[in-house]
N, C-alpha and C. Protein backbone atom coordinates (compact mmCIF):
# COMPACT_ATOMS: atom_id res chain seq x y z
N MET A 1 -89.96 -19.43 -2.38
CA MET A 1 -88.75 -19.11 -1.73
C MET A 1 -88.05 -20.37 -1.24
N GLU A 2 -88.92 -21.28 -0.89
CA GLU A 2 -88.37 -22.55 -0.45
C GLU A 2 -87.54 -23.20 -1.57
N LEU A 3 -87.92 -23.00 -2.74
CA LEU A 3 -87.20 -23.57 -3.87
C LEU A 3 -85.79 -22.94 -3.96
N VAL A 4 -85.71 -21.67 -3.73
CA VAL A 4 -84.44 -20.99 -3.79
C VAL A 4 -83.57 -21.47 -2.62
N ALA A 5 -84.17 -21.64 -1.42
CA ALA A 5 -83.42 -22.11 -0.27
C ALA A 5 -82.93 -23.53 -0.51
N ASP A 6 -83.78 -24.38 -1.07
CA ASP A 6 -83.35 -25.75 -1.38
C ASP A 6 -82.25 -25.75 -2.43
N LEU A 7 -82.42 -24.89 -3.38
CA LEU A 7 -81.42 -24.80 -4.44
C LEU A 7 -80.08 -24.32 -3.86
N LEU A 8 -80.12 -23.36 -2.96
CA LEU A 8 -78.91 -22.87 -2.31
C LEU A 8 -78.30 -23.96 -1.44
N LYS A 9 -79.13 -24.76 -0.79
CA LYS A 9 -78.63 -25.84 0.05
C LYS A 9 -77.86 -26.86 -0.78
N VAL A 10 -78.25 -27.03 -2.01
CA VAL A 10 -77.58 -28.00 -2.87
C VAL A 10 -76.38 -27.33 -3.59
N LEU A 11 -76.58 -26.14 -4.11
CA LEU A 11 -75.56 -25.50 -4.92
C LEU A 11 -74.37 -24.98 -4.09
N LEU A 12 -74.63 -24.45 -2.91
CA LEU A 12 -73.55 -23.90 -2.10
C LEU A 12 -72.55 -24.98 -1.69
N PRO A 13 -72.97 -26.14 -1.16
CA PRO A 13 -71.99 -27.18 -0.86
C PRO A 13 -71.31 -27.70 -2.13
N ALA A 14 -72.06 -27.80 -3.20
CA ALA A 14 -71.47 -28.28 -4.46
C ALA A 14 -70.40 -27.30 -4.95
N ALA A 15 -70.67 -26.00 -4.84
CA ALA A 15 -69.72 -24.97 -5.25
C ALA A 15 -68.48 -25.04 -4.37
N LEU A 16 -68.68 -25.24 -3.04
CA LEU A 16 -67.55 -25.35 -2.14
C LEU A 16 -66.70 -26.58 -2.46
N VAL A 17 -67.38 -27.70 -2.71
CA VAL A 17 -66.66 -28.92 -3.08
C VAL A 17 -65.92 -28.72 -4.42
N LEU A 18 -66.58 -28.08 -5.36
CA LEU A 18 -65.97 -27.83 -6.66
C LEU A 18 -64.76 -26.90 -6.51
N TYR A 19 -64.88 -25.86 -5.68
CA TYR A 19 -63.77 -24.94 -5.44
C TYR A 19 -62.62 -25.67 -4.75
N ALA A 20 -62.93 -26.50 -3.78
CA ALA A 20 -61.90 -27.28 -3.09
C ALA A 20 -61.20 -28.21 -4.07
N MET A 21 -61.95 -28.83 -4.94
CA MET A 21 -61.37 -29.71 -5.97
C MET A 21 -60.46 -28.90 -6.92
N TYR A 22 -60.93 -27.71 -7.28
CA TYR A 22 -60.14 -26.84 -8.15
C TYR A 22 -58.80 -26.52 -7.49
N LEU A 23 -58.84 -26.13 -6.21
CA LEU A 23 -57.61 -25.81 -5.49
C LEU A 23 -56.70 -27.02 -5.37
N THR A 24 -57.27 -28.19 -5.11
CA THR A 24 -56.49 -29.42 -4.99
C THR A 24 -55.83 -29.76 -6.33
N VAL A 25 -56.58 -29.72 -7.39
CA VAL A 25 -56.05 -30.04 -8.73
C VAL A 25 -54.98 -29.01 -9.11
N LYS A 26 -55.28 -27.72 -8.83
CA LYS A 26 -54.31 -26.68 -9.14
C LYS A 26 -53.02 -26.91 -8.37
N SER A 27 -53.13 -27.31 -7.11
CA SER A 27 -51.96 -27.58 -6.29
C SER A 27 -51.15 -28.73 -6.88
N PHE A 28 -51.81 -29.81 -7.29
CA PHE A 28 -51.13 -30.96 -7.90
C PHE A 28 -50.45 -30.56 -9.21
N ILE A 29 -51.15 -29.78 -10.02
CA ILE A 29 -50.60 -29.35 -11.31
C ILE A 29 -49.37 -28.47 -11.09
N ASN A 30 -49.48 -27.52 -10.14
CA ASN A 30 -48.33 -26.65 -9.84
C ASN A 30 -47.14 -27.46 -9.33
N LYS A 31 -47.45 -28.47 -8.50
CA LYS A 31 -46.38 -29.33 -7.98
C LYS A 31 -45.73 -30.10 -9.12
N ASP A 32 -46.54 -30.63 -10.04
CA ASP A 32 -46.00 -31.36 -11.20
C ASP A 32 -45.17 -30.44 -12.10
N ILE A 33 -45.66 -29.22 -12.29
CA ILE A 33 -44.92 -28.26 -13.11
C ILE A 33 -43.59 -27.93 -12.46
N GLN A 34 -43.62 -27.71 -11.14
CA GLN A 34 -42.38 -27.41 -10.41
C GLN A 34 -41.41 -28.59 -10.48
N GLN A 35 -41.93 -29.81 -10.34
CA GLN A 35 -41.08 -31.00 -10.44
C GLN A 35 -40.50 -31.13 -11.84
N ALA A 36 -41.31 -30.82 -12.85
CA ALA A 36 -40.83 -30.89 -14.23
C ALA A 36 -39.73 -29.86 -14.47
N LYS A 37 -39.93 -28.64 -13.91
CA LYS A 37 -38.89 -27.61 -14.05
C LYS A 37 -37.62 -28.04 -13.35
N THR A 38 -37.74 -28.55 -12.15
CA THR A 38 -36.58 -29.00 -11.39
C THR A 38 -35.86 -30.12 -12.14
N LEU A 39 -36.63 -31.05 -12.67
CA LEU A 39 -36.06 -32.15 -13.43
C LEU A 39 -35.37 -31.63 -14.69
N ALA A 40 -35.99 -30.67 -15.37
CA ALA A 40 -35.39 -30.10 -16.58
C ALA A 40 -34.09 -29.37 -16.23
N GLU A 41 -34.09 -28.63 -15.13
CA GLU A 41 -32.87 -27.94 -14.70
C GLU A 41 -31.77 -28.93 -14.34
N ALA A 42 -32.15 -29.99 -13.65
CA ALA A 42 -31.17 -31.02 -13.29
C ALA A 42 -30.60 -31.67 -14.54
N ASN A 43 -31.47 -31.97 -15.51
CA ASN A 43 -31.00 -32.56 -16.77
C ASN A 43 -30.07 -31.60 -17.52
N ALA A 44 -30.43 -30.31 -17.49
CA ALA A 44 -29.59 -29.32 -18.17
C ALA A 44 -28.22 -29.24 -17.49
N GLN A 45 -28.20 -29.29 -16.16
CA GLN A 45 -26.92 -29.26 -15.44
C GLN A 45 -26.10 -30.51 -15.73
N ILE A 46 -26.77 -31.64 -15.80
CA ILE A 46 -26.07 -32.89 -16.10
C ILE A 46 -25.48 -32.82 -17.51
N LYS A 47 -26.28 -32.32 -18.48
CA LYS A 47 -25.78 -32.22 -19.85
C LYS A 47 -24.63 -31.23 -19.92
N GLN A 48 -24.74 -30.12 -19.18
CA GLN A 48 -23.66 -29.14 -19.17
C GLN A 48 -22.40 -29.75 -18.57
N ALA A 49 -22.56 -30.51 -17.51
CA ALA A 49 -21.41 -31.17 -16.89
C ALA A 49 -20.79 -32.18 -17.86
N GLU A 50 -21.65 -32.91 -18.59
CA GLU A 50 -21.13 -33.87 -19.58
C GLU A 50 -20.38 -33.15 -20.69
N VAL A 51 -20.92 -32.01 -21.14
CA VAL A 51 -20.26 -31.24 -22.19
C VAL A 51 -18.90 -30.74 -21.70
N LEU A 52 -18.87 -30.22 -20.46
CA LEU A 52 -17.60 -29.74 -19.90
C LEU A 52 -16.59 -30.88 -19.76
N GLU A 53 -17.09 -32.04 -19.36
CA GLU A 53 -16.21 -33.20 -19.22
C GLU A 53 -15.65 -33.61 -20.58
N LYS A 54 -16.51 -33.60 -21.60
CA LYS A 54 -16.05 -33.95 -22.95
C LYS A 54 -15.04 -32.92 -23.45
N GLN A 55 -15.29 -31.63 -23.15
CA GLN A 55 -14.34 -30.60 -23.57
C GLN A 55 -13.00 -30.80 -22.88
N LYS A 56 -13.02 -31.16 -21.60
CA LYS A 56 -11.77 -31.41 -20.89
C LYS A 56 -11.05 -32.61 -21.48
N GLU A 57 -11.81 -33.64 -21.84
CA GLU A 57 -11.20 -34.82 -22.46
C GLU A 57 -10.55 -34.44 -23.79
N ILE A 58 -11.26 -33.62 -24.57
CA ILE A 58 -10.73 -33.19 -25.87
C ILE A 58 -9.47 -32.35 -25.67
N GLU A 59 -9.51 -31.42 -24.69
CA GLU A 59 -8.33 -30.61 -24.41
C GLU A 59 -7.16 -31.48 -23.98
N LEU A 60 -7.43 -32.47 -23.15
CA LEU A 60 -6.38 -33.37 -22.69
C LEU A 60 -5.79 -34.15 -23.86
N LYS A 61 -6.67 -34.64 -24.74
CA LYS A 61 -6.18 -35.38 -25.93
C LYS A 61 -5.36 -34.45 -26.82
N ASN A 62 -5.85 -33.21 -26.98
CA ASN A 62 -5.11 -32.25 -27.80
C ASN A 62 -3.73 -32.00 -27.21
N LYS A 63 -3.67 -31.85 -25.89
CA LYS A 63 -2.37 -31.64 -25.26
C LYS A 63 -1.47 -32.85 -25.45
N GLU A 64 -2.06 -34.04 -25.35
CA GLU A 64 -1.26 -35.26 -25.54
C GLU A 64 -0.69 -35.32 -26.96
N ILE A 65 -1.46 -34.80 -27.90
CA ILE A 65 -1.03 -34.82 -29.30
C ILE A 65 -0.09 -33.66 -29.60
N THR A 66 -0.47 -32.45 -29.15
CA THR A 66 0.31 -31.27 -29.54
C THR A 66 1.57 -31.05 -28.70
N LEU A 67 1.58 -31.52 -27.47
CA LEU A 67 2.77 -31.28 -26.64
C LEU A 67 4.04 -31.85 -27.27
N PRO A 68 4.02 -33.11 -27.72
CA PRO A 68 5.25 -33.61 -28.37
C PRO A 68 5.61 -32.83 -29.63
N ILE A 69 4.61 -32.37 -30.38
CA ILE A 69 4.89 -31.60 -31.59
C ILE A 69 5.49 -30.25 -31.21
N ARG A 70 4.94 -29.62 -30.19
CA ARG A 70 5.48 -28.33 -29.74
C ARG A 70 6.90 -28.49 -29.21
N LEU A 71 7.13 -29.55 -28.44
CA LEU A 71 8.48 -29.78 -27.92
C LEU A 71 9.46 -30.00 -29.07
N GLN A 72 9.02 -30.73 -30.07
CA GLN A 72 9.88 -30.95 -31.24
C GLN A 72 10.17 -29.63 -31.95
N ALA A 73 9.16 -28.75 -32.01
CA ALA A 73 9.38 -27.44 -32.65
C ALA A 73 10.41 -26.63 -31.87
N TYR A 74 10.30 -26.64 -30.55
CA TYR A 74 11.29 -25.92 -29.75
C TYR A 74 12.67 -26.53 -29.95
N GLU A 75 12.72 -27.84 -29.99
CA GLU A 75 14.00 -28.53 -30.20
C GLU A 75 14.61 -28.15 -31.55
N ARG A 76 13.78 -28.16 -32.58
CA ARG A 76 14.27 -27.84 -33.93
C ARG A 76 14.73 -26.39 -34.02
N MET A 77 14.02 -25.49 -33.34
CA MET A 77 14.42 -24.09 -33.41
C MET A 77 15.68 -23.84 -32.58
N CYS A 78 15.86 -24.57 -31.50
CA CYS A 78 17.13 -24.49 -30.75
C CYS A 78 18.27 -24.99 -31.64
N LEU A 79 18.02 -26.07 -32.32
CA LEU A 79 19.03 -26.61 -33.23
C LEU A 79 19.35 -25.61 -34.35
N PHE A 80 18.31 -24.98 -34.88
CA PHE A 80 18.50 -23.96 -35.91
C PHE A 80 19.41 -22.84 -35.39
N LEU A 81 19.09 -22.34 -34.20
CA LEU A 81 19.89 -21.25 -33.63
C LEU A 81 21.34 -21.69 -33.38
N GLU A 82 21.49 -22.90 -32.91
CA GLU A 82 22.86 -23.41 -32.70
C GLU A 82 23.61 -23.54 -34.03
N ARG A 83 22.91 -24.04 -35.05
CA ARG A 83 23.57 -24.26 -36.35
C ARG A 83 23.98 -22.96 -37.03
N ILE A 84 23.26 -21.85 -36.75
CA ILE A 84 23.63 -20.58 -37.40
C ILE A 84 24.50 -19.70 -36.50
N SER A 85 24.82 -20.17 -35.30
CA SER A 85 25.70 -19.38 -34.42
C SER A 85 27.10 -19.35 -35.05
N PRO A 86 27.84 -18.28 -34.83
CA PRO A 86 29.16 -18.15 -35.47
C PRO A 86 30.09 -19.33 -35.18
N THR A 87 30.08 -19.82 -33.96
CA THR A 87 31.02 -20.89 -33.60
C THR A 87 30.66 -22.23 -34.23
N GLN A 88 29.46 -22.38 -34.70
CA GLN A 88 29.06 -23.63 -35.36
C GLN A 88 29.04 -23.50 -36.88
N LEU A 89 28.55 -22.37 -37.36
CA LEU A 89 28.37 -22.17 -38.80
C LEU A 89 29.70 -22.09 -39.55
N ILE A 90 30.62 -21.31 -39.03
CA ILE A 90 31.87 -21.07 -39.75
C ILE A 90 32.73 -22.33 -39.86
N PRO A 91 33.00 -23.05 -38.77
CA PRO A 91 33.82 -24.27 -38.92
C PRO A 91 33.16 -25.32 -39.83
N ARG A 92 31.83 -25.37 -39.81
CA ARG A 92 31.14 -26.37 -40.60
C ARG A 92 31.26 -26.10 -42.10
N LEU A 93 31.30 -24.82 -42.48
CA LEU A 93 31.28 -24.48 -43.90
C LEU A 93 32.61 -23.97 -44.44
N ASN A 94 33.56 -23.75 -43.57
CA ASN A 94 34.83 -23.18 -44.00
C ASN A 94 35.58 -24.12 -44.94
N ASN A 95 36.08 -23.53 -45.99
CA ASN A 95 36.89 -24.26 -46.97
C ASN A 95 38.02 -23.33 -47.39
N PRO A 96 39.27 -23.78 -47.29
CA PRO A 96 40.41 -22.90 -47.61
C PRO A 96 40.38 -22.38 -49.05
N GLU A 97 39.66 -23.03 -49.91
CA GLU A 97 39.62 -22.61 -51.31
C GLU A 97 38.66 -21.45 -51.55
N PHE A 98 37.78 -21.15 -50.59
CA PHE A 98 36.80 -20.08 -50.77
C PHE A 98 37.43 -18.71 -50.62
N ALA A 99 36.99 -17.78 -51.48
CA ALA A 99 37.34 -16.37 -51.31
C ALA A 99 36.28 -15.74 -50.40
N VAL A 100 36.55 -14.55 -49.90
CA VAL A 100 35.65 -13.88 -48.96
C VAL A 100 34.24 -13.74 -49.54
N GLY A 101 34.15 -13.27 -50.78
CA GLY A 101 32.84 -13.05 -51.40
C GLY A 101 32.03 -14.34 -51.51
N LEU A 102 32.69 -15.40 -51.95
CA LEU A 102 32.02 -16.69 -52.08
C LEU A 102 31.64 -17.25 -50.71
N PHE A 103 32.55 -17.15 -49.76
CA PHE A 103 32.29 -17.66 -48.42
C PHE A 103 31.12 -16.90 -47.77
N GLN A 104 31.10 -15.58 -47.99
CA GLN A 104 30.00 -14.78 -47.47
C GLN A 104 28.67 -15.26 -48.06
N ALA A 105 28.63 -15.46 -49.34
CA ALA A 105 27.40 -15.92 -50.01
C ALA A 105 26.99 -17.31 -49.51
N ILE A 106 27.97 -18.19 -49.31
CA ILE A 106 27.67 -19.55 -48.83
C ILE A 106 27.11 -19.50 -47.41
N LEU A 107 27.73 -18.68 -46.55
CA LEU A 107 27.24 -18.57 -45.17
C LEU A 107 25.81 -18.05 -45.12
N ILE A 108 25.54 -17.00 -45.87
CA ILE A 108 24.20 -16.41 -45.88
C ILE A 108 23.19 -17.39 -46.48
N GLN A 109 23.58 -18.06 -47.55
CA GLN A 109 22.68 -19.04 -48.17
C GLN A 109 22.38 -20.18 -47.21
N GLU A 110 23.36 -20.63 -46.46
CA GLU A 110 23.15 -21.71 -45.49
C GLU A 110 22.17 -21.26 -44.40
N ILE A 111 22.33 -20.04 -43.92
CA ILE A 111 21.40 -19.52 -42.90
C ILE A 111 19.98 -19.47 -43.45
N ARG A 112 19.84 -18.99 -44.65
CA ARG A 112 18.50 -18.88 -45.28
C ARG A 112 17.91 -20.27 -45.54
N ASN A 113 18.74 -21.21 -45.95
CA ASN A 113 18.25 -22.58 -46.17
C ASN A 113 17.77 -23.21 -44.86
N GLU A 114 18.56 -23.03 -43.81
CA GLU A 114 18.17 -23.55 -42.49
C GLU A 114 16.84 -22.93 -42.05
N TYR A 115 16.73 -21.64 -42.27
CA TYR A 115 15.50 -20.92 -41.90
C TYR A 115 14.31 -21.46 -42.69
N ALA A 116 14.48 -21.57 -44.00
CA ALA A 116 13.39 -22.06 -44.86
C ALA A 116 12.97 -23.47 -44.46
N HIS A 117 13.94 -24.26 -44.05
CA HIS A 117 13.67 -25.64 -43.65
C HIS A 117 12.82 -25.70 -42.38
N ASN A 118 12.88 -24.66 -41.56
CA ASN A 118 12.19 -24.66 -40.27
C ASN A 118 11.02 -23.68 -40.20
N LEU A 119 10.60 -23.13 -41.30
CA LEU A 119 9.52 -22.14 -41.31
C LEU A 119 8.23 -22.64 -40.67
N SER A 120 7.90 -23.88 -40.88
CA SER A 120 6.63 -24.40 -40.37
C SER A 120 6.59 -24.49 -38.84
N GLN A 121 7.74 -24.41 -38.21
CA GLN A 121 7.78 -24.54 -36.74
C GLN A 121 7.15 -23.34 -36.04
N GLN A 122 6.97 -22.24 -36.77
CA GLN A 122 6.37 -21.06 -36.15
C GLN A 122 4.93 -21.32 -35.71
N MET A 123 4.33 -22.37 -36.24
CA MET A 123 2.95 -22.73 -35.85
C MET A 123 2.88 -23.21 -34.40
N TYR A 124 3.97 -23.69 -33.87
CA TYR A 124 3.94 -24.35 -32.57
C TYR A 124 4.65 -23.58 -31.46
N ILE A 125 5.22 -22.43 -31.80
CA ILE A 125 5.88 -21.63 -30.77
C ILE A 125 5.22 -20.25 -30.73
N SER A 126 5.49 -19.50 -29.70
CA SER A 126 4.85 -18.19 -29.53
C SER A 126 5.36 -17.19 -30.58
N ASN A 127 4.56 -16.17 -30.81
CA ASN A 127 4.96 -15.12 -31.76
C ASN A 127 6.22 -14.42 -31.28
N GLU A 128 6.32 -14.20 -29.99
CA GLU A 128 7.49 -13.53 -29.44
C GLU A 128 8.76 -14.36 -29.68
N ALA A 129 8.65 -15.67 -29.48
CA ALA A 129 9.80 -16.55 -29.72
C ALA A 129 10.18 -16.52 -31.21
N TRP A 130 9.18 -16.57 -32.07
CA TRP A 130 9.46 -16.57 -33.50
C TRP A 130 10.12 -15.25 -33.92
N ASP A 131 9.62 -14.15 -33.37
CA ASP A 131 10.21 -12.85 -33.69
C ASP A 131 11.68 -12.80 -33.27
N LEU A 132 12.00 -13.35 -32.11
CA LEU A 132 13.39 -13.38 -31.66
C LEU A 132 14.26 -14.26 -32.56
N ILE A 133 13.70 -15.35 -33.05
CA ILE A 133 14.43 -16.24 -33.96
C ILE A 133 14.74 -15.51 -35.27
N VAL A 134 13.73 -14.83 -35.81
CA VAL A 134 13.94 -14.09 -37.06
C VAL A 134 14.96 -12.97 -36.84
N LYS A 135 14.87 -12.29 -35.71
CA LYS A 135 15.83 -11.24 -35.39
C LYS A 135 17.24 -11.81 -35.28
N ALA A 136 17.39 -12.95 -34.64
CA ALA A 136 18.71 -13.59 -34.52
C ALA A 136 19.28 -13.93 -35.89
N MET A 137 18.43 -14.45 -36.76
CA MET A 137 18.88 -14.79 -38.11
C MET A 137 19.33 -13.53 -38.85
N GLU A 138 18.54 -12.48 -38.77
CA GLU A 138 18.88 -11.24 -39.46
C GLU A 138 20.17 -10.64 -38.89
N GLU A 139 20.33 -10.70 -37.57
CA GLU A 139 21.55 -10.17 -36.95
C GLU A 139 22.77 -10.99 -37.34
N MET A 140 22.60 -12.28 -37.51
CA MET A 140 23.73 -13.13 -37.93
C MET A 140 24.15 -12.78 -39.36
N ILE A 141 23.16 -12.57 -40.22
CA ILE A 141 23.48 -12.16 -41.60
C ILE A 141 24.16 -10.79 -41.58
N LEU A 142 23.68 -9.89 -40.74
CA LEU A 142 24.28 -8.57 -40.61
C LEU A 142 25.72 -8.67 -40.10
N LEU A 143 25.95 -9.55 -39.15
CA LEU A 143 27.31 -9.76 -38.62
C LEU A 143 28.24 -10.23 -39.74
N ILE A 144 27.77 -11.16 -40.54
CA ILE A 144 28.59 -11.66 -41.66
C ILE A 144 28.86 -10.53 -42.65
N ASN A 145 27.82 -9.79 -43.02
CA ASN A 145 27.99 -8.70 -43.99
C ASN A 145 28.91 -7.61 -43.45
N ASN A 146 28.76 -7.25 -42.18
CA ASN A 146 29.62 -6.22 -41.59
C ASN A 146 31.07 -6.69 -41.48
N SER A 147 31.26 -7.98 -41.30
CA SER A 147 32.61 -8.53 -41.20
C SER A 147 33.36 -8.45 -42.52
N THR A 148 32.65 -8.36 -43.61
CA THR A 148 33.30 -8.30 -44.93
C THR A 148 33.67 -6.88 -45.33
N LEU A 149 33.21 -5.88 -44.58
CA LEU A 149 33.42 -4.49 -44.99
C LEU A 149 34.89 -4.12 -45.13
N GLU A 150 35.72 -4.61 -44.27
CA GLU A 150 37.15 -4.26 -44.29
C GLU A 150 37.98 -5.28 -45.08
N LEU A 151 37.32 -6.26 -45.64
CA LEU A 151 38.04 -7.31 -46.36
C LEU A 151 37.85 -7.15 -47.86
N HIS A 152 38.87 -7.55 -48.61
CA HIS A 152 38.75 -7.54 -50.06
C HIS A 152 38.00 -8.81 -50.48
N GLU A 153 37.20 -8.68 -51.49
CA GLU A 153 36.34 -9.79 -51.92
C GLU A 153 37.14 -11.02 -52.36
N ASP A 154 38.34 -10.82 -52.84
CA ASP A 154 39.16 -11.93 -53.32
C ASP A 154 40.08 -12.50 -52.25
N SER A 155 40.05 -11.93 -51.05
CA SER A 155 40.88 -12.46 -49.95
C SER A 155 40.41 -13.87 -49.61
N PRO A 156 41.29 -14.64 -48.97
CA PRO A 156 40.89 -16.00 -48.58
C PRO A 156 39.70 -15.98 -47.59
N GLY A 157 38.84 -16.93 -47.71
CA GLY A 157 37.65 -17.02 -46.87
C GLY A 157 37.96 -17.13 -45.39
N ILE A 158 39.16 -17.62 -45.09
CA ILE A 158 39.56 -17.76 -43.70
C ILE A 158 39.62 -16.39 -43.02
N GLU A 159 39.88 -15.35 -43.80
CA GLU A 159 39.91 -13.99 -43.25
C GLU A 159 38.50 -13.58 -42.77
N LEU A 160 37.52 -13.93 -43.55
CA LEU A 160 36.14 -13.65 -43.12
C LEU A 160 35.80 -14.46 -41.89
N ALA A 161 36.19 -15.71 -41.86
CA ALA A 161 35.92 -16.56 -40.70
C ALA A 161 36.54 -15.95 -39.45
N LYS A 162 37.80 -15.51 -39.56
CA LYS A 162 38.48 -14.90 -38.42
C LYS A 162 37.76 -13.63 -37.98
N GLN A 163 37.41 -12.81 -38.96
CA GLN A 163 36.77 -11.53 -38.66
C GLN A 163 35.43 -11.73 -37.93
N VAL A 164 34.62 -12.67 -38.39
CA VAL A 164 33.33 -12.94 -37.74
C VAL A 164 33.55 -13.43 -36.32
N LEU A 165 34.48 -14.35 -36.15
CA LEU A 165 34.74 -14.88 -34.81
C LEU A 165 35.34 -13.83 -33.88
N ILE A 166 36.19 -12.96 -34.41
CA ILE A 166 36.77 -11.89 -33.59
C ILE A 166 35.69 -10.91 -33.14
N ILE A 167 34.86 -10.49 -34.06
CA ILE A 167 33.77 -9.56 -33.70
C ILE A 167 32.85 -10.22 -32.69
N SER A 168 32.54 -11.47 -32.93
CA SER A 168 31.65 -12.19 -32.02
C SER A 168 32.26 -12.30 -30.63
N ARG A 169 33.55 -12.61 -30.58
CA ARG A 169 34.22 -12.81 -29.28
C ARG A 169 34.54 -11.49 -28.60
N ASP A 170 35.23 -10.61 -29.31
CA ASP A 170 35.73 -9.37 -28.69
C ASP A 170 34.62 -8.39 -28.35
N LEU A 171 33.63 -8.29 -29.20
CA LEU A 171 32.54 -7.35 -28.95
C LEU A 171 31.36 -8.01 -28.24
N GLY A 172 31.46 -9.29 -27.99
CA GLY A 172 30.38 -10.00 -27.31
C GLY A 172 29.12 -10.11 -28.15
N VAL A 173 29.31 -10.11 -29.46
CA VAL A 173 28.16 -10.20 -30.37
C VAL A 173 27.84 -11.67 -30.59
N ASN A 174 26.69 -12.09 -30.09
CA ASN A 174 26.22 -13.45 -30.33
C ASN A 174 24.73 -13.35 -30.65
N PRO A 175 24.43 -13.25 -31.94
CA PRO A 175 23.05 -12.99 -32.35
C PRO A 175 22.04 -14.04 -31.87
N THR A 176 22.49 -15.24 -31.64
CA THR A 176 21.54 -16.32 -31.31
C THR A 176 21.32 -16.53 -29.82
N ARG A 177 22.18 -15.97 -28.98
CA ARG A 177 22.15 -16.25 -27.54
C ARG A 177 20.80 -15.89 -26.89
N ASP A 178 20.31 -14.67 -27.09
CA ASP A 178 19.07 -14.24 -26.44
C ASP A 178 17.87 -15.07 -26.91
N ALA A 179 17.81 -15.32 -28.20
CA ALA A 179 16.69 -16.11 -28.73
C ALA A 179 16.73 -17.53 -28.18
N LEU A 180 17.92 -18.09 -28.10
CA LEU A 180 18.07 -19.44 -27.58
C LEU A 180 17.65 -19.51 -26.11
N GLN A 181 18.05 -18.54 -25.33
CA GLN A 181 17.67 -18.51 -23.92
C GLN A 181 16.16 -18.34 -23.77
N PHE A 182 15.57 -17.49 -24.59
CA PHE A 182 14.11 -17.29 -24.53
C PHE A 182 13.38 -18.58 -24.87
N LEU A 183 13.84 -19.28 -25.90
CA LEU A 183 13.22 -20.56 -26.28
C LEU A 183 13.28 -21.57 -25.14
N LYS A 184 14.42 -21.66 -24.52
CA LYS A 184 14.57 -22.60 -23.40
C LYS A 184 13.64 -22.24 -22.26
N ASP A 185 13.56 -20.97 -21.92
CA ASP A 185 12.68 -20.55 -20.83
C ASP A 185 11.21 -20.81 -21.17
N GLU A 186 10.84 -20.50 -22.39
CA GLU A 186 9.45 -20.71 -22.81
C GLU A 186 9.11 -22.20 -22.83
N MET A 187 10.03 -23.02 -23.28
CA MET A 187 9.80 -24.46 -23.31
C MET A 187 9.61 -25.01 -21.91
N ARG A 188 10.37 -24.52 -20.96
CA ARG A 188 10.24 -24.98 -19.58
C ARG A 188 8.86 -24.67 -19.00
N GLN A 189 8.21 -23.65 -19.49
CA GLN A 189 6.88 -23.29 -19.01
C GLN A 189 5.81 -24.29 -19.45
N LEU A 190 6.12 -25.11 -20.42
CA LEU A 190 5.17 -26.12 -20.87
C LEU A 190 4.98 -27.23 -19.87
N PHE A 191 5.90 -27.34 -18.91
CA PHE A 191 5.83 -28.42 -17.94
C PHE A 191 5.35 -27.92 -16.62
């Protein structure tokens, strides 16, 4: 029995020391794991912040590049609307030698050419603005076509010019006005 008591005297303290060592090592390992997790989270936050910063830099560069292009698109579309307005289009293209039919065709062709020349600008303006521009163009063509209804095709072109300007003035028909105002308002929002 003495052997068992001696064995217990040696094994019990050894087991306690071993258990204490286990708890100490486990505590150190848990602390290291927690520090590693904290460090990993901090690194992830730093990387996320760096990614966000790079995205902001890219957005800023994109704005620096696209803003002048967008402004130019608005400028070109304002110019388009001005060029197809009755008060600008008719004096620019009027020729005393034109008959109504020929003058009508020339006016419509000029509007379509101006439109075709500016088609790519729709990439830089809103869909709503583009829709208003297309509507203005179509209404201007409609105004020209409706102005010819009471005129003979062989009449002098000046008669068509007068008729378009009279309808535009007396009835307050200005197909480009609303689209032009919308473009200006939308452009101001860029600043």
